Amino acid sequence: MARKPTAKAEFVLFDVTYEDGSQRSNRRVPAEMLGGLDGDKPARDVIEQQDREIAERSGMPPLQIKTLTRSGGGKK
């Protein structure tokens, strides 16, 4: 019997540079959070929330985001 197609979660990947100079690549943000009048601005809020949760679990303070850019995509 054929299966029903399931909804595939779409994400946009971002590269993050923090104030201390460290970098993280391919941070996932749900695609439905982006676009509209705010563009990629909501991505910062989502990633900052992810960072707070990670910092809470690790017991270390969250890092401040310096820059946020979309990941490059595929290799050429």
C-alpha atoms as a PDB file:
ATOM      1  CA  MET A   1       0.000   0.000   0.000  1.00  0.00           C
ATOM      2  CA  ALA A   2       1.336   3.447  -0.891  1.00  0.00           C
ATOM      3  CA  ARG A   3       2.182   5.822   1.914  1.00  0.00           C
ATOM      4  CA  LYS A   4       0.871   9.340   2.156  1.00  0.00           C
ATOM      5  CA  PRO A   5       3.514  11.985   1.561  1.00  0.00           C
ATOM      6  CA  THR A   6       4.591  13.699   4.757  1.00  0.00           C
ATOM      7  CA  ALA A   7       5.244  17.392   5.088  1.00  0.00           C
ATOM      8  CA  LYS A   8       8.945  18.061   4.742  1.00  0.00           C
ATOM      9  CA  ALA A   9      10.326  20.682   7.099  1.00  0.00           C
ATOM     10  CA  GLU A  10      12.177  23.352   5.132  1.00  0.00           C
ATOM     11  CA  PHE A  11      15.111  25.148   6.709  1.00  0.00           C
ATOM     12  CA  VAL A  12      17.435  27.960   5.679  1.00  0.00           C
ATOM     13  CA  LEU A  13      21.056  27.638   6.789  1.00  0.00           C
ATOM     14  CA  PHE A  14      23.004  30.546   8.265  1.00  0.00           C
ATOM     15  CA  ASP A  15      26.658  31.160   9.107  1.00  0.00           C
ATOM     16  CA  VAL A  16      27.120  33.012  12.397  1.00  0.00           C
ATOM     17  CA  THR A  17      30.146  35.015  13.559  1.00  0.00           C
ATOM     18  CA  TYR A  18      30.250  35.930  17.240  1.00  0.00           C
ATOM     19  CA  GLU A  19      31.806  38.967  18.972  1.00  0.00           C
ATOM     20  CA  ASP A  20      34.682  36.820  20.306  1.00  0.00           C
ATOM     21  CA  GLY A  21      35.636  35.842  16.720  1.00  0.00           C
ATOM     22  CA  SER A  22      34.274  32.283  16.827  1.00  0.00           C
ATOM     23  CA  GLN A  23      32.117  31.012  13.969  1.00  0.00           C
ATOM     24  CA  ARG A  24      29.340  28.478  13.545  1.00  0.00           C
ATOM     25  CA  SER A  25      28.156  27.269  10.153  1.00  0.00           C
ATOM     26  CA  ASN A  26      24.875  25.869   8.909  1.00  0.00           C
ATOM     27  CA  ARG A  27      22.643  26.994  11.763  1.00  0.00           C
ATOM     28  CA  ARG A  28      19.103  25.928  10.866  1.00  0.00           C
ATOM     29  CA  VAL A  29      16.184  28.371  10.844  1.00  0.00           C
ATOM     30  CA  PRO A  30      12.664  27.336   9.734  1.00  0.00           C
ATOM     31  CA  ALA A  31      11.958  28.836   6.292  1.00  0.00           C
ATOM     32  CA  GLU A  32       8.453  29.972   7.296  1.00  0.00           C
ATOM     33  CA  MET A  33      10.057  32.391   9.810  1.00  0.00           C
ATOM     34  CA  LEU A  34      11.799  34.303   6.998  1.00  0.00           C
ATOM     35  CA  GLY A  35      10.686  36.564   4.200  1.00  0.00           C
ATOM     36  CA  GLY A  36       8.043  39.239   4.192  1.00  0.00           C
ATOM     37  CA  LEU A  37       8.904  42.763   5.239  1.00  0.00           C
ATOM     38  CA  ASP A  38      11.479  41.667   7.822  1.00  0.00           C
ATOM     39  CA  GLY A  39      13.554  39.517   5.409  1.00  0.00           C
ATOM     40  CA  ASP A  40      16.194  37.561   7.353  1.00  0.00           C
ATOM     41  CA  LYS A  41      15.880  39.629  10.550  1.00  0.00           C
ATOM     42  CA  PRO A  42      13.776  36.965  12.362  1.00  0.00           C
ATOM     43  CA  ALA A  43      16.661  34.506  11.872  1.00  0.00           C
ATOM     44  CA  ARG A  44      18.724  36.429  14.441  1.00  0.00           C
ATOM     45  CA  ASP A  45      15.959  36.013  17.033  1.00  0.00           C
ATOM     46  CA  VAL A  46      15.660  32.282  16.327  1.00  0.00           C
ATOM     47  CA  ILE A  47      19.430  31.715  16.530  1.00  0.00           C
ATOM     48  CA  GLU A  48      19.742  33.819  19.697  1.00  0.00           C
ATOM     49  CA  GLN A  49      17.010  31.660  21.286  1.00  0.00           C
ATOM     50  CA  GLN A  50      18.881  28.503  20.226  1.00  0.00           C
ATOM     51  CA  ASP A  51      22.087  29.950  21.726  1.00  0.00           C
ATOM     52  CA  ARG A  52      20.325  30.741  25.036  1.00  0.00           C
ATOM     53  CA  GLU A  53      19.060  27.157  25.255  1.00  0.00           C
ATOM     54  CA  ILE A  54      22.511  25.750  24.484  1.00  0.00           C
ATOM     55  CA  ALA A  55      24.150  28.090  27.020  1.00  0.00           C
ATOM     56  CA  GLU A  56      21.621  27.125  29.684  1.00  0.00           C
ATOM     57  CA  ARG A  57      22.380  23.430  29.212  1.00  0.00           C
ATOM     58  CA  SER A  58      26.153  23.954  29.152  1.00  0.00           C
ATOM     59  CA  GLY A  59      26.239  26.387  32.082  1.00  0.00           C
ATOM     60  CA  MET A  60      28.156  28.990  30.060  1.00  0.00           C
ATOM     61  CA  PRO A  61      26.925  32.478  29.082  1.00  0.00           C
ATOM     62  CA  PRO A  62      25.561  32.875  25.532  1.00  0.00           C
ATOM     63  CA  LEU A  63      27.772  34.597  22.966  1.00  0.00           C
ATOM     64  CA  GLN A  64      26.755  37.847  21.258  1.00  0.00           C
ATOM     65  CA  ILE A  65      26.185  37.587  17.500  1.00  0.00           C
ATOM     66  CA  LYS A  66      28.338  39.916  15.391  1.00  0.00           C
ATOM     67  CA  THR A  67      27.225  38.931  11.871  1.00  0.00           C
ATOM     68  CA  LEU A  68      24.672  36.588  10.391  1.00  0.00           C
ATOM     69  CA  THR A  69      24.710  35.542   6.712  1.00  0.00           C
ATOM     70  CA  ARG A  70      23.005  32.850   4.695  1.00  0.00           C
ATOM     71  CA  SER A  71      25.204  29.833   4.049  1.00  0.00           C
ATOM     72  CA  GLY A  72      26.693  29.568   0.580  1.00  0.00           C
ATOM     73  CA  GLY A  73      24.714  26.525  -0.523  1.00  0.00           C
ATOM     74  CA  GLY A  74      26.338  23.910  -2.734  1.00  0.00           C
ATOM     75  CA  LYS A  75      29.928  23.596  -3.890  1.00  0.00           C
ATOM     76  CA  LYS A  76      30.909  24.917  -7.320  1.00  0.00           C
END
